[in-house]
C-alpha cells in the first residue's frame, strides 16, 4: 500500500465522533485510515485468509462505527463465507441505538 491508499486526516472533535463526519480521515491527526478501494479490500482479504487458515475463528473490528457500513459488511460477509462459524465482534462504543442499528444481525456490538 502507498500514500494514495489513505484518506487525508482531519481534526475530529466533539460531535464528529458520532455524526456523518466520523467515517473518513478521523483520528485528530494521530493516524490516517485506509480508503475502501478494491486494492485495499483485496489486501485485507488476503490477510483474513491467512488468519482463517491458521485457525482463527474470532474477529474484532475496532472502532467499527468509524467504518462505513457497506465496507464493514463486505468484510463480515467475506469472513462468513470463508469461516461460517466465526465469531465477529464490532466495537461501536455508544449508548445511542442509532449507532448500533446499521450492524444489527451482523455481529455482536458494544
PDB file of N, CA and C in Angstrom:
ATOM      1  N   UNK A   1       0.849  -1.187   0.000  1.00  0.00           N
ATOM      2  CA  UNK A   1       0.000   0.000   0.000  1.00  0.00           C
ATOM      3  C   UNK A   1       0.886   1.239   0.000  1.00  0.00           C
ATOM      4  N   UNK A   2       0.356   2.329  -0.534  1.00  0.00           N
ATOM      5  CA  UNK A   2       1.119   3.563  -0.550  1.00  0.00           C
ATOM      6  C   UNK A   2       0.228   4.746  -0.164  1.00  0.00           C
ATOM      7  N   UNK A   3       0.798   5.926  -0.217  1.00  0.00           N
ATOM      8  CA  UNK A   3       0.128   7.143   0.258  1.00  0.00           C
ATOM      9  C   UNK A   3      -1.272   7.317  -0.352  1.00  0.00           C
ATOM     10  N   UNK A   4      -1.452   6.969  -1.607  1.00  0.00           N
ATOM     11  CA  UNK A   4      -2.746   7.159  -2.273  1.00  0.00           C
ATOM     12  C   UNK A   4      -3.835   6.247  -1.718  1.00  0.00           C
ATOM     13  N   UNK A   5      -3.457   5.243  -0.951  1.00  0.00           N
ATOM     14  CA  UNK A   5      -4.437   4.318  -0.375  1.00  0.00           C
ATOM     15  C   UNK A   5      -5.028   4.817   0.941  1.00  0.00           C
ATOM     16  N   UNK A   6      -4.566   5.963   1.413  1.00  0.00           N
ATOM     17  CA  UNK A   6      -5.025   6.520   2.685  1.00  0.00           C
ATOM     18  C   UNK A   6      -5.815   7.808   2.474  1.00  0.00           C
ATOM     19  N   UNK A   7      -6.814   8.015   3.337  1.00  0.00           N
ATOM     20  CA  UNK A   7      -7.517   9.302   3.365  1.00  0.00           C
ATOM     21  C   UNK A   7      -6.621  10.325   4.046  1.00  0.00           C
ATOM     22  N   UNK A   8      -6.714  11.587   3.635  1.00  0.00           N
ATOM     23  CA  UNK A   8      -6.022  12.613   4.427  1.00  0.00           C
ATOM     24  C   UNK A   8      -6.716  12.730   5.772  1.00  0.00           C
ATOM     25  N   UNK A   9      -5.969  12.996   6.823  1.00  0.00           N
ATOM     26  CA  UNK A   9      -6.588  13.105   8.144  1.00  0.00           C
ATOM     27  C   UNK A   9      -7.184  14.487   8.330  1.00  0.00           C
ATOM     28  N   UNK A  10      -8.078  14.562   9.285  1.00  0.00           N
ATOM     29  CA  UNK A  10      -8.692  15.838   9.662  1.00  0.00           C
ATOM     30  C   UNK A  10      -8.874  15.852  11.166  1.00  0.00           C
ATOM     31  N   UNK A  11      -8.992  17.021  11.718  1.00  0.00           N
ATOM     32  CA  UNK A  11      -9.296  17.136  13.147  1.00  0.00           C
ATOM     33  C   UNK A  11     -10.686  16.598  13.404  1.00  0.00           C
ATOM     34  N   UNK A  12     -10.815  15.713  14.350  1.00  0.00           N
ATOM     35  CA  UNK A  12     -12.110  15.186  14.732  1.00  0.00           C
ATOM     36  C   UNK A  12     -12.318  15.504  16.199  1.00  0.00           C
ATOM     37  N   UNK A  13     -13.309  16.332  16.453  1.00  0.00           N
ATOM     38  CA  UNK A  13     -13.552  16.762  17.822  1.00  0.00           C
ATOM     39  C   UNK A  13     -15.054  16.760  18.086  1.00  0.00           C
ATOM     40  N   UNK A  14     -15.415  16.642  19.342  1.00  0.00           N
ATOM     41  CA  UNK A  14     -16.807  16.776  19.765  1.00  0.00           C
ATOM     42  C   UNK A  14     -17.766  15.866  19.039  1.00  0.00           C
ATOM     43  N   UNK A  15     -18.776  16.461  18.426  1.00  0.00           N
ATOM     44  CA  UNK A  15     -19.846  15.705  17.773  1.00  0.00           C
ATOM     45  C   UNK A  15     -19.372  14.863  16.596  1.00  0.00           C
ATOM     46  N   UNK A  16     -18.207  15.191  16.036  1.00  0.00           N
ATOM     47  CA  UNK A  16     -17.726  14.428  14.881  1.00  0.00           C
ATOM     48  C   UNK A  16     -17.544  12.944  15.180  1.00  0.00           C
ATOM     49  N   UNK A  17     -17.357  12.580  16.438  1.00  0.00           N
ATOM     50  CA  UNK A  17     -17.167  11.163  16.775  1.00  0.00           C
ATOM     51  C   UNK A  17     -18.419  10.340  16.521  1.00  0.00           C
ATOM     52  N   UNK A  18     -19.599  10.998  16.500  1.00  0.00           N
ATOM     53  CA  UNK A  18     -20.850  10.257  16.343  1.00  0.00           C
ATOM     54  C   UNK A  18     -21.707  10.729  15.172  1.00  0.00           C
ATOM     55  N   UNK A  19     -21.237  11.670  14.368  1.00  0.00           N
ATOM     56  CA  UNK A  19     -22.065  12.122  13.255  1.00  0.00           C
ATOM     57  C   UNK A  19     -21.510  11.615  11.927  1.00  0.00           C
ATOM     58  N   UNK A  20     -22.046  12.108  10.832  1.00  0.00           N
ATOM     59  CA  UNK A  20     -21.651  11.635   9.494  1.00  0.00           C
ATOM     60  C   UNK A  20     -20.173  11.897   9.192  1.00  0.00           C
ATOM     61  N   UNK A  21     -19.533  12.785   9.934  1.00  0.00           N
ATOM     62  CA  UNK A  21     -18.107  13.068   9.730  1.00  0.00           C
ATOM     63  C   UNK A  21     -17.208  11.999  10.326  1.00  0.00           C
ATOM     64  N   UNK A  22     -17.773  10.988  10.943  1.00  0.00           N
ATOM     65  CA  UNK A  22     -16.979  10.008  11.685  1.00  0.00           C
ATOM     66  C   UNK A  22     -16.273   8.975  10.804  1.00  0.00           C
ATOM     67  N   UNK A  23     -16.513   8.966   9.505  1.00  0.00           N
ATOM     68  CA  UNK A  23     -16.041   7.865   8.677  1.00  0.00           C
ATOM     69  C   UNK A  23     -14.629   8.020   8.115  1.00  0.00           C
ATOM     70  N   UNK A  24     -14.332   9.077   7.398  1.00  0.00           N
ATOM     71  CA  UNK A  24     -13.035   9.169   6.729  1.00  0.00           C
ATOM     72  C   UNK A  24     -12.137  10.220   7.362  1.00  0.00           C
ATOM     73  N   UNK A  25     -10.856   9.891   7.441  1.00  0.00           N
ATOM     74  CA  UNK A  25      -9.856  10.857   7.851  1.00  0.00           C
ATOM     75  C   UNK A  25      -9.831  11.164   9.326  1.00  0.00           C
ATOM     76  N   UNK A  26     -10.397  10.331  10.136  1.00  0.00           N
ATOM     77  CA  UNK A  26     -10.510  10.628  11.565  1.00  0.00           C
ATOM     78  C   UNK A  26      -9.229  10.316  12.307  1.00  0.00           C
ATOM     79  N   UNK A  27      -9.149  10.770  13.512  1.00  0.00           N
ATOM     80  CA  UNK A  27      -8.007  10.462  14.349  1.00  0.00           C
ATOM     81  C   UNK A  27      -7.276  11.681  14.851  1.00  0.00           C
ATOM     82  N   UNK A  28      -7.806  12.871  14.617  1.00  0.00           N
ATOM     83  CA  UNK A  28      -7.204  14.104  15.133  1.00  0.00           C
ATOM     84  C   UNK A  28      -5.731  14.207  14.733  1.00  0.00           C
ATOM     85  N   UNK A  29      -5.384  13.688  13.562  1.00  0.00           N
ATOM     86  CA  UNK A  29      -4.029  13.809  13.058  1.00  0.00           C
ATOM     87  C   UNK A  29      -3.055  12.788  13.591  1.00  0.00           C
ATOM     88  N   UNK A  30      -3.515  11.874  14.435  1.00  0.00           N
ATOM     89  CA  UNK A  30      -2.612  10.877  15.009  1.00  0.00           C
ATOM     90  C   UNK A  30      -2.408   9.692  14.076  1.00  0.00           C
ATOM     91  N   UNK A  31      -3.343   9.432  13.194  1.00  0.00           N
ATOM     92  CA  UNK A  31      -3.248   8.337  12.241  1.00  0.00           C
ATOM     93  C   UNK A  31      -4.193   8.645  11.100  1.00  0.00           C
ATOM     94  N   UNK A  32      -4.088   7.915  10.032  1.00  0.00           N
ATOM     95  CA  UNK A  32      -4.973   8.093   8.896  1.00  0.00           C
ATOM     96  C   UNK A  32      -5.544   6.734   8.526  1.00  0.00           C
ATOM     97  N   UNK A  33      -6.742   6.736   8.002  1.00  0.00           N
ATOM     98  CA  UNK A  33      -7.401   5.469   7.688  1.00  0.00           C
ATOM     99  C   UNK A  33      -7.289   5.143   6.201  1.00  0.00           C
ATOM    100  N   UNK A  34      -7.432   3.862   5.911  1.00  0.00           N
ATOM    101  CA  UNK A  34      -7.344   3.385   4.537  1.00  0.00           C
ATOM    102  C   UNK A  34      -8.643   3.643   3.779  1.00  0.00           C
ATOM    103  N   UNK A  35      -8.511   3.920   2.504  1.00  0.00           N
ATOM    104  CA  UNK A  35      -9.675   4.035   1.625  1.00  0.00           C
ATOM    105  C   UNK A  35     -10.209   2.629   1.350  1.00  0.00           C
ATOM    106  N   UNK A  36     -11.485   2.535   1.081  1.00  0.00           N
ATOM    107  CA  UNK A  36     -12.105   1.229   0.802  1.00  0.00           C
ATOM    108  C   UNK A  36     -12.066   0.946  -0.692  1.00  0.00           C
ATOM    109  N   UNK A  37     -10.866   0.912  -1.243  1.00  0.00           N
ATOM    110  CA  UNK A  37     -10.701   0.603  -2.662  1.00  0.00           C
ATOM    111  C   UNK A  37     -10.598  -0.907  -2.856  1.00  0.00           C
ATOM    112  N   UNK A  38     -10.739  -1.340  -4.090  1.00  0.00           N
ATOM    113  CA  UNK A  38     -10.600  -2.772  -4.375  1.00  0.00           C
ATOM    114  C   UNK A  38      -9.214  -3.264  -3.951  1.00  0.00           C
ATOM    115  N   UNK A  39      -8.188  -2.470  -4.201  1.00  0.00           N
ATOM    116  CA  UNK A  39      -6.823  -2.834  -3.819  1.00  0.00           C
ATOM    117  C   UNK A  39      -6.708  -3.081  -2.315  1.00  0.00           C
ATOM    118  N   UNK A  40      -7.266  -2.177  -1.526  1.00  0.00           N
ATOM    119  CA  UNK A  40      -7.199  -2.303  -0.068  1.00  0.00           C
ATOM    120  C   UNK A  40      -8.028  -3.489   0.406  1.00  0.00           C
ATOM    121  N   UNK A  41      -9.242  -3.632  -0.125  1.00  0.00           N
ATOM    122  CA  UNK A  41     -10.103  -4.740   0.285  1.00  0.00           C
ATOM    123  C   UNK A  41      -9.463  -6.092  -0.049  1.00  0.00           C
ATOM    124  N   UNK A  42      -8.849  -6.204  -1.209  1.00  0.00           N
ATOM    125  CA  UNK A  42      -8.193  -7.463  -1.575  1.00  0.00           C
ATOM    126  C   UNK A  42      -7.006  -7.756  -0.664  1.00  0.00           C
ATOM    127  N   UNK A  43      -6.269  -6.730  -0.289  1.00  0.00           N
ATOM    128  CA  UNK A  43      -5.140  -6.922   0.643  1.00  0.00           C
ATOM    129  C   UNK A  43      -5.663  -7.420   1.987  1.00  0.00           C
ATOM    130  N   UNK A  44      -6.752  -6.817   2.457  1.00  0.00           N
ATOM    131  CA  UNK A  44      -7.335  -7.251   3.726  1.00  0.00           C
ATOM    132  C   UNK A  44      -7.881  -8.671   3.623  1.00  0.00           C
ATOM    133  N   UNK A  45      -8.478  -9.021   2.495  1.00  0.00           N
ATOM    134  CA  UNK A  45      -8.978 -10.381   2.326  1.00  0.00           C
ATOM    135  C   UNK A  45      -7.837 -11.390   2.364  1.00  0.00           C
ATOM    136  N   UNK A  46      -6.718 -11.057   1.765  1.00  0.00           N
ATOM    137  CA  UNK A  46      -5.560 -11.963   1.834  1.00  0.00           C
ATOM    138  C   UNK A  46      -5.104 -12.146   3.279  1.00  0.00           C
ATOM    139  N   UNK A  47      -5.121 -11.073   4.045  1.00  0.00           N
ATOM    140  CA  UNK A  47      -4.744 -11.167   5.458  1.00  0.00           C
ATOM    141  C   UNK A  47      -5.759 -12.021   6.217  1.00  0.00           C
ATOM    142  N   UNK A  48      -7.045 -11.818   5.957  1.00  0.00           N
ATOM    143  CA  UNK A  48      -8.074 -12.638   6.598  1.00  0.00           C
ATOM    144  C   UNK A  48      -7.902 -14.109   6.232  1.00  0.00           C
ATOM    145  N   UNK A  49      -7.566 -14.393   4.984  1.00  0.00           N
ATOM    146  CA  UNK A  49      -7.324 -15.781   4.564  1.00  0.00           C
ATOM    147  C   UNK A  49      -6.220 -16.420   5.393  1.00  0.00           C
ATOM    148  N   UNK A  50      -5.134 -15.682   5.602  1.00  0.00           N
ATOM    149  CA  UNK A  50      -4.012 -16.200   6.403  1.00  0.00           C
ATOM    150  C   UNK A  50      -4.473 -16.508   7.819  1.00  0.00           C
ATOM    151  N   UNK A  51      -5.241 -15.602   8.406  1.00  0.00           N
ATOM    152  CA  UNK A  51      -5.723 -15.815   9.767  1.00  0.00           C
ATOM    153  C   UNK A  51      -6.651 -17.029   9.848  1.00  0.00           C
ATOM    154  N   UNK A  52      -7.574 -17.129   8.901  1.00  0.00           N
ATOM    155  CA  UNK A  52      -8.521 -18.246   8.898  1.00  0.00           C
ATOM    156  C   UNK A  52      -7.788 -19.569   8.669  1.00  0.00           C
ATOM    157  N   UNK A  53      -6.830 -19.579   7.749  1.00  0.00           N
ATOM    158  CA  UNK A  53      -6.048 -20.796   7.502  1.00  0.00           C
ATOM    159  C   UNK A  53      -5.239 -21.204   8.728  1.00  0.00           C
ATOM    160  N   UNK A  54      -4.887 -20.229   9.562  1.00  0.00           N
ATOM    161  CA  UNK A  54      -4.139 -20.512  10.793  1.00  0.00           C
ATOM    162  C   UNK A  54      -5.061 -20.984  11.920  1.00  0.00           C
ATOM    163  N   UNK A  55      -6.376 -20.981  11.671  1.00  0.00           N
ATOM    164  CA  UNK A  55      -7.321 -21.471  12.667  1.00  0.00           C
ATOM    165  C   UNK A  55      -8.038 -20.403  13.470  1.00  0.00           C
ATOM    166  N   UNK A  56      -7.820 -19.141  13.138  1.00  0.00           N
ATOM    167  CA  UNK A  56      -8.511 -18.059  13.852  1.00  0.00           C
ATOM    168  C   UNK A  56      -9.999 -18.118  13.528  1.00  0.00           C
ATOM    169  N   UNK A  57     -10.818 -18.046  14.573  1.00  0.00           N
ATOM    170  CA  UNK A  57     -12.272 -18.096  14.385  1.00  0.00           C
ATOM    171  C   UNK A  57     -12.981 -16.952  15.085  1.00  0.00           C
ATOM    172  N   UNK A  58     -12.223 -15.980  15.571  1.00  0.00           N
ATOM    173  CA  UNK A  58     -12.807 -14.817  16.211  1.00  0.00           C
ATOM    174  C   UNK A  58     -12.187 -13.547  15.655  1.00  0.00           C
ATOM    175  N   UNK A  59     -13.039 -12.588  15.327  1.00  0.00           N
ATOM    176  CA  UNK A  59     -12.576 -11.345  14.706  1.00  0.00           C
ATOM    177  C   UNK A  59     -13.233 -10.155  15.399  1.00  0.00           C
ATOM    178  N   UNK A  60     -12.409  -9.188  15.775  1.00  0.00           N
ATOM    179  CA  UNK A  60     -12.876  -7.962  16.430  1.00  0.00           C
ATOM    180  C   UNK A  60     -12.531  -6.795  15.533  1.00  0.00           C
ATOM    181  N   UNK A  61     -13.526  -6.001  15.202  1.00  0.00           N
ATOM    182  CA  UNK A  61     -13.312  -4.792  14.424  1.00  0.00           C
ATOM    183  C   UNK A  61     -13.337  -3.609  15.378  1.00  0.00           C
ATOM    184  N   UNK A  62     -12.166  -3.049  15.624  1.00  0.00           N
ATOM    185  CA  UNK A  62     -12.020  -1.893  16.490  1.00  0.00           C
ATOM    186  C   UNK A  62     -12.608  -0.665  15.798  1.00  0.00           C
ATOM    187  N   UNK A  63     -13.247   0.197  16.579  1.00  0.00           N
ATOM    188  CA  UNK A  63     -13.799   1.456  16.055  1.00  0.00           C
ATOM    189  C   UNK A  63     -14.735   1.215  14.865  1.00  0.00           C
ATOM    190  N   UNK A  64     -15.586   0.202  14.970  1.00  0.00           N
ATOM    191  CA  UNK A  64     -16.455  -0.178  13.855  1.00  0.00           C
ATOM    192  C   UNK A  64     -17.381   0.945  13.404  1.00  0.00           C
ATOM    193  N   UNK A  65     -17.791   1.816  14.311  1.00  0.00           N
ATOM    194  CA  UNK A  65     -18.699   2.891  13.909  1.00  0.00           C
ATOM    195  C   UNK A  65     -18.010   3.905  13.001  1.00  0.00           C
ATOM    196  N   UNK A  66     -16.692   3.825  12.894  1.00  0.00           N
ATOM    197  CA  UNK A  66     -15.942   4.721  12.019  1.00  0.00           C
ATOM    198  C   UNK A  66     -15.662   4.092  10.659  1.00  0.00           C
ATOM    199  N   UNK A  67     -16.198   2.902  10.433  1.00  0.00           N
ATOM    200  CA  UNK A  67     -16.079   2.235   9.137  1.00  0.00           C
ATOM    201  C   UNK A  67     -17.442   2.310   8.465  1.00  0.00           C
ATOM    202  N   UNK A  68     -17.477   2.742   7.230  1.00  0.00           N
ATOM    203  CA  UNK A  68     -18.764   2.818   6.531  1.00  0.00           C
ATOM    204  C   UNK A  68     -19.427   1.448   6.553  1.00  0.00           C
ATOM    205  N   UNK A  69     -20.729   1.397   6.849  1.00  0.00           N
ATOM    206  CA  UNK A  69     -21.412   0.109   6.954  1.00  0.00           C
ATOM    207  C   UNK A  69     -21.238  -0.797   5.735  1.00  0.00           C
ATOM    208  N   UNK A  70     -21.281  -0.258   4.525  1.00  0.00           N
ATOM    209  CA  UNK A  70     -21.146  -1.119   3.329  1.00  0.00           C
ATOM    210  C   UNK A  70     -19.758  -1.762   3.273  1.00  0.00           C
ATOM    211  N   UNK A  71     -18.745  -1.037   3.740  1.00  0.00           N
ATOM    212  CA  UNK A  71     -17.388  -1.587   3.760  1.00  0.00           C
ATOM    213  C   UNK A  71     -17.270  -2.663   4.823  1.00  0.00           C
ATOM    214  N   UNK A  72     -17.775  -2.369   6.010  1.00  0.00           N
ATOM    215  CA  UNK A  72     -17.721  -3.341   7.099  1.00  0.00           C
ATOM    216  C   UNK A  72     -18.513  -4.594   6.733  1.00  0.00           C
ATOM    217  N   UNK A  73     -19.645  -4.416   6.085  1.00  0.00           N
ATOM    218  CA  UNK A  73     -20.466  -5.556   5.665  1.00  0.00           C
ATOM    219  C   UNK A  73     -19.691  -6.438   4.687  1.00  0.00           C
ATOM    220  N   UNK A  74     -18.898  -5.836   3.805  1.00  0.00           N
ATOM    221  CA  UNK A  74     -18.095  -6.627   2.871  1.00  0.00           C
ATOM    222  C   UNK A  74     -17.102  -7.511   3.632  1.00  0.00           C
ATOM    223  N   UNK A  75     -16.485  -6.973   4.691  1.00  0.00           N
ATOM    224  CA  UNK A  75     -15.554  -7.769   5.496  1.00  0.00           C
ATOM    225  C   UNK A  75     -16.292  -8.886   6.240  1.00  0.00           C
ATOM    226  N   UNK A  76     -17.403  -8.543   6.857  1.00  0.00           N
ATOM    227  CA  UNK A  76     -18.181  -9.535   7.609  1.00  0.00           C
ATOM    228  C   UNK A  76     -18.655 -10.647   6.678  1.00  0.00           C
ATOM    229  N   UNK A  77     -19.185 -10.274   5.523  1.00  0.00           N
ATOM    230  CA  UNK A  77     -19.646 -11.282   4.564  1.00  0.00           C
ATOM    231  C   UNK A  77     -18.498 -12.175   4.100  1.00  0.00           C
ATOM    232  N   UNK A  78     -17.334 -11.594   3.871  1.00  0.00           N
ATOM    233  CA  UNK A  78     -16.180 -12.380   3.441  1.00  0.00           C
ATOM    234  C   UNK A  78     -15.778 -13.382   4.519  1.00  0.00           C
ATOM    235  N   UNK A  79     -15.716 -12.912   5.755  1.00  0.00           N
ATOM    236  CA  UNK A  79     -15.362 -13.819   6.861  1.00  0.00           C
ATOM    237  C   UNK A  79     -16.382 -14.945   6.962  1.00  0.00           C
ATOM    238  N   UNK A  80     -17.674 -14.613   6.894  1.00  0.00           N
ATOM    239  CA  UNK A  80     -18.728 -15.634   6.985  1.00  0.00           C
ATOM    240  C   UNK A  80     -18.630 -16.637   5.832  1.00  0.00           C
ATOM    241  N   UNK A  81     -18.259 -16.161   4.658  1.00  0.00           N
ATOM    242  CA  UNK A  81     -18.105 -17.052   3.501  1.00  0.00           C
ATOM    243  C   UNK A  81     -16.940 -18.019   3.723  1.00  0.00           C
ATOM    244  N   UNK A  82     -15.840 -17.500   4.256  1.00  0.00           N
ATOM    245  CA  UNK A  82     -14.640 -18.312   4.429  1.00  0.00           C
ATOM    246  C   UNK A  82     -14.666 -19.156   5.704  1.00  0.00           C
ATOM    247  N   UNK A  83     -15.402 -18.693   6.719  1.00  0.00           N
ATOM    248  CA  UNK A  83     -15.445 -19.381   8.015  1.00  0.00           C
ATOM    249  C   UNK A  83     -16.834 -19.160   8.629  1.00  0.00           C
ATOM    250  N   UNK A  84     -17.827 -19.947   8.205  1.00  0.00           N
ATOM    251  CA  UNK A  84     -19.208 -19.718   8.623  1.00  0.00           C
ATOM    252  C   UNK A  84     -19.428 -19.690  10.136  1.00  0.00           C
ATOM    253  N   UNK A  85     -18.596 -20.387  10.904  1.00  0.00           N
ATOM    254  CA  UNK A  85     -18.807 -20.412  12.352  1.00  0.00           C
ATOM    255  C   UNK A  85     -17.931 -19.397  13.101  1.00  0.00           C
ATOM    256  N   UNK A  86     -17.376 -18.428  12.390  1.00  0.00           N
ATOM    257  CA  UNK A  86     -16.534 -17.406  13.026  1.00  0.00           C
ATOM    258  C   UNK A  86     -17.374 -16.528  13.959  1.00  0.00           C
ATOM    259  N   UNK A  87     -16.753 -16.101  15.039  1.00  0.00           N
ATOM    260  CA  UNK A  87     -17.369 -15.111  15.932  1.00  0.00           C
ATOM    261  C   UNK A  87     -16.847 -13.739  15.513  1.00  0.00           C
ATOM    262  N   UNK A  88     -17.772 -12.809  15.311  1.00  0.00           N
ATOM    263  CA  UNK A  88     -17.396 -11.467  14.881  1.00  0.00           C
ATOM    264  C   UNK A  88     -17.976 -10.457  15.866  1.00  0.00           C
ATOM    265  N   UNK A  89     -17.110  -9.577  16.333  1.00  0.00           N
ATOM    266  CA  UNK A  89     -17.490  -8.540  17.301  1.00  0.00           C
ATOM    267  C   UNK A  89     -17.144  -7.179  16.709  1.00  0.00           C
ATOM    268  N   UNK A  90     -18.084  -6.254  16.800  1.00  0.00           N
ATOM    269  CA  UNK A  90     -17.888  -4.898  16.293  1.00  0.00           C
ATOM    270  C   UNK A  90     -17.884  -3.920  17.464  1.00  0.00           C
ATOM    271  N   UNK A  91     -16.770  -3.231  17.658  1.00  0.00           N
ATOM    272  CA  UNK A  91     -16.687  -2.235  18.722  1.00  0.00           C
ATOM    273  C   UNK A  91     -17.326  -0.938  18.227  1.00  0.00           C
ATOM    274  N   UNK A  92     -18.501  -0.641  18.758  1.00  0.00           N
ATOM    275  CA  UNK A  92     -19.214   0.574  18.384  1.00  0.00           C
ATOM    276  C   UNK A  92     -19.070   1.632  19.478  1.00  0.00           C
ATOM    277  N   UNK A  93     -19.024   1.224  20.730  1.00  0.00           N
ATOM    278  CA  UNK A  93     -18.840   2.116  21.880  1.00  0.00           C
ATOM    279  C   UNK A  93     -19.745   3.336  21.849  1.00  0.00           C
ATOM    280  N   UNK A  94     -21.020   3.066  21.950  1.00  0.00           N
ATOM    281  CA  UNK A  94     -22.002   4.138  22.027  1.00  0.00           C
ATOM    282  C   UNK A  94     -23.246   3.596  22.706  1.00  0.00           C
ATOM    283  N   UNK A  95     -23.861   4.434  23.528  1.00  0.00           N
ATOM    284  CA  UNK A  95     -25.139   4.030  24.123  1.00  0.00           C
ATOM    285  C   UNK A  95     -26.314   4.493  23.264  1.00  0.00           C
ATOM    286  N   UNK A  96     -26.022   5.072  22.105  1.00  0.00           N
ATOM    287  CA  UNK A  96     -27.036   5.522  21.160  1.00  0.00           C
ATOM    288  C   UNK A  96     -27.422   4.351  20.248  1.00  0.00           C
ATOM    289  N   UNK A  97     -28.661   3.875  20.335  1.00  0.00           N
ATOM    290  CA  UNK A  97     -29.084   2.741  19.499  1.00  0.00           C
ATOM    291  C   UNK A  97     -28.900   2.989  18.001  1.00  0.00           C
ATOM    292  N   UNK A  98     -28.961   4.236  17.572  1.00  0.00           N
ATOM    293  CA  UNK A  98     -28.782   4.559  16.153  1.00  0.00           C
ATOM    294  C   UNK A  98     -27.371   4.218  15.665  1.00  0.00           C
ATOM    295  N   UNK A  99     -26.398   4.278  16.573  1.00  0.00           N
ATOM    296  CA  UNK A  99     -25.029   3.942  16.196  1.00  0.00           C
ATOM    297  C   UNK A  99     -24.881   2.432  15.957  1.00  0.00           C
ATOM    298  N   UNK A 100     -25.696   1.637  16.641  1.00  0.00           N
ATOM    299  CA  UNK A 100     -25.642   0.179  16.519  1.00  0.00           C
ATOM    300  C   UNK A 100     -26.542  -0.343  15.392  1.00  0.00           C
ATOM    301  N   UNK A 101     -27.560   0.419  15.041  1.00  0.00           N
ATOM    302  CA  UNK A 101     -28.601  -0.043  14.114  1.00  0.00           C
ATOM    303  C   UNK A 101     -28.062  -0.598  12.788  1.00  0.00           C
ATOM    304  N   UNK A 102     -27.077   0.047  12.137  1.00  0.00           N
ATOM    305  CA  UNK A 102     -26.636  -0.492  10.844  1.00  0.00           C
ATOM    306  C   UNK A 102     -26.032  -1.888  10.936  1.00  0.00           C
ATOM    307  N   UNK A 103     -25.610  -2.299  12.120  1.00  0.00           N
ATOM    308  CA  UNK A 103     -24.870  -3.550  12.273  1.00  0.00           C
ATOM    309  C   UNK A 103     -25.708  -4.679  12.882  1.00  0.00           C
ATOM    310  N   UNK A 104     -26.948  -4.392  13.247  1.00  0.00           N
ATOM    311  CA  UNK A 104     -27.787  -5.408  13.891  1.00  0.00           C
ATOM    312  C   UNK A 104     -27.960  -6.622  12.981  1.00  0.00           C
ATOM    313  N   UNK A 105     -27.758  -7.775  13.560  1.00  0.00           N
ATOM    314  CA  UNK A 105     -27.885  -9.022  12.822  1.00  0.00           C
ATOM    315  C   UNK A 105     -26.587  -9.477  12.163  1.00  0.00           C
ATOM    316  N   UNK A 106     -25.582  -8.614  12.114  1.00  0.00           N
ATOM    317  CA  UNK A 106     -24.304  -8.992  11.503  1.00  0.00           C
ATOM    318  C   UNK A 106     -23.381  -9.654  12.499  1.00  0.00           C
ATOM    319  N   UNK A 107     -23.330  -9.039  13.705  1.00  0.00           N
ATOM    320  CA  UNK A 107     -22.349  -9.459  14.703  1.00  0.00           C
ATOM    321  C   UNK A 107     -22.720  -8.828  16.039  1.00  0.00           C
ATOM    322  N   UNK A 108     -22.037  -9.238  17.102  1.00  0.00           N
ATOM    323  CA  UNK A 108     -22.233  -8.595  18.405  1.00  0.00           C
ATOM    324  C   UNK A 108     -21.585  -7.216  18.390  1.00  0.00           C
ATOM    325  N   UNK A 109     -22.205  -6.276  19.133  1.00  0.00           N
ATOM    326  CA  UNK A 109     -21.647  -4.929  19.253  1.00  0.00           C
ATOM    327  C   UNK A 109     -21.701  -4.475  20.706  1.00  0.00           C
ATOM    328  N   UNK A 110     -20.886  -3.478  21.026  1.00  0.00           N
ATOM    329  CA  UNK A 110     -20.983  -2.786  22.314  1.00  0.00           C
ATOM    330  C   UNK A 110     -20.925  -1.309  22.058  1.00  0.00           C
TER     331      UNK A 110
END
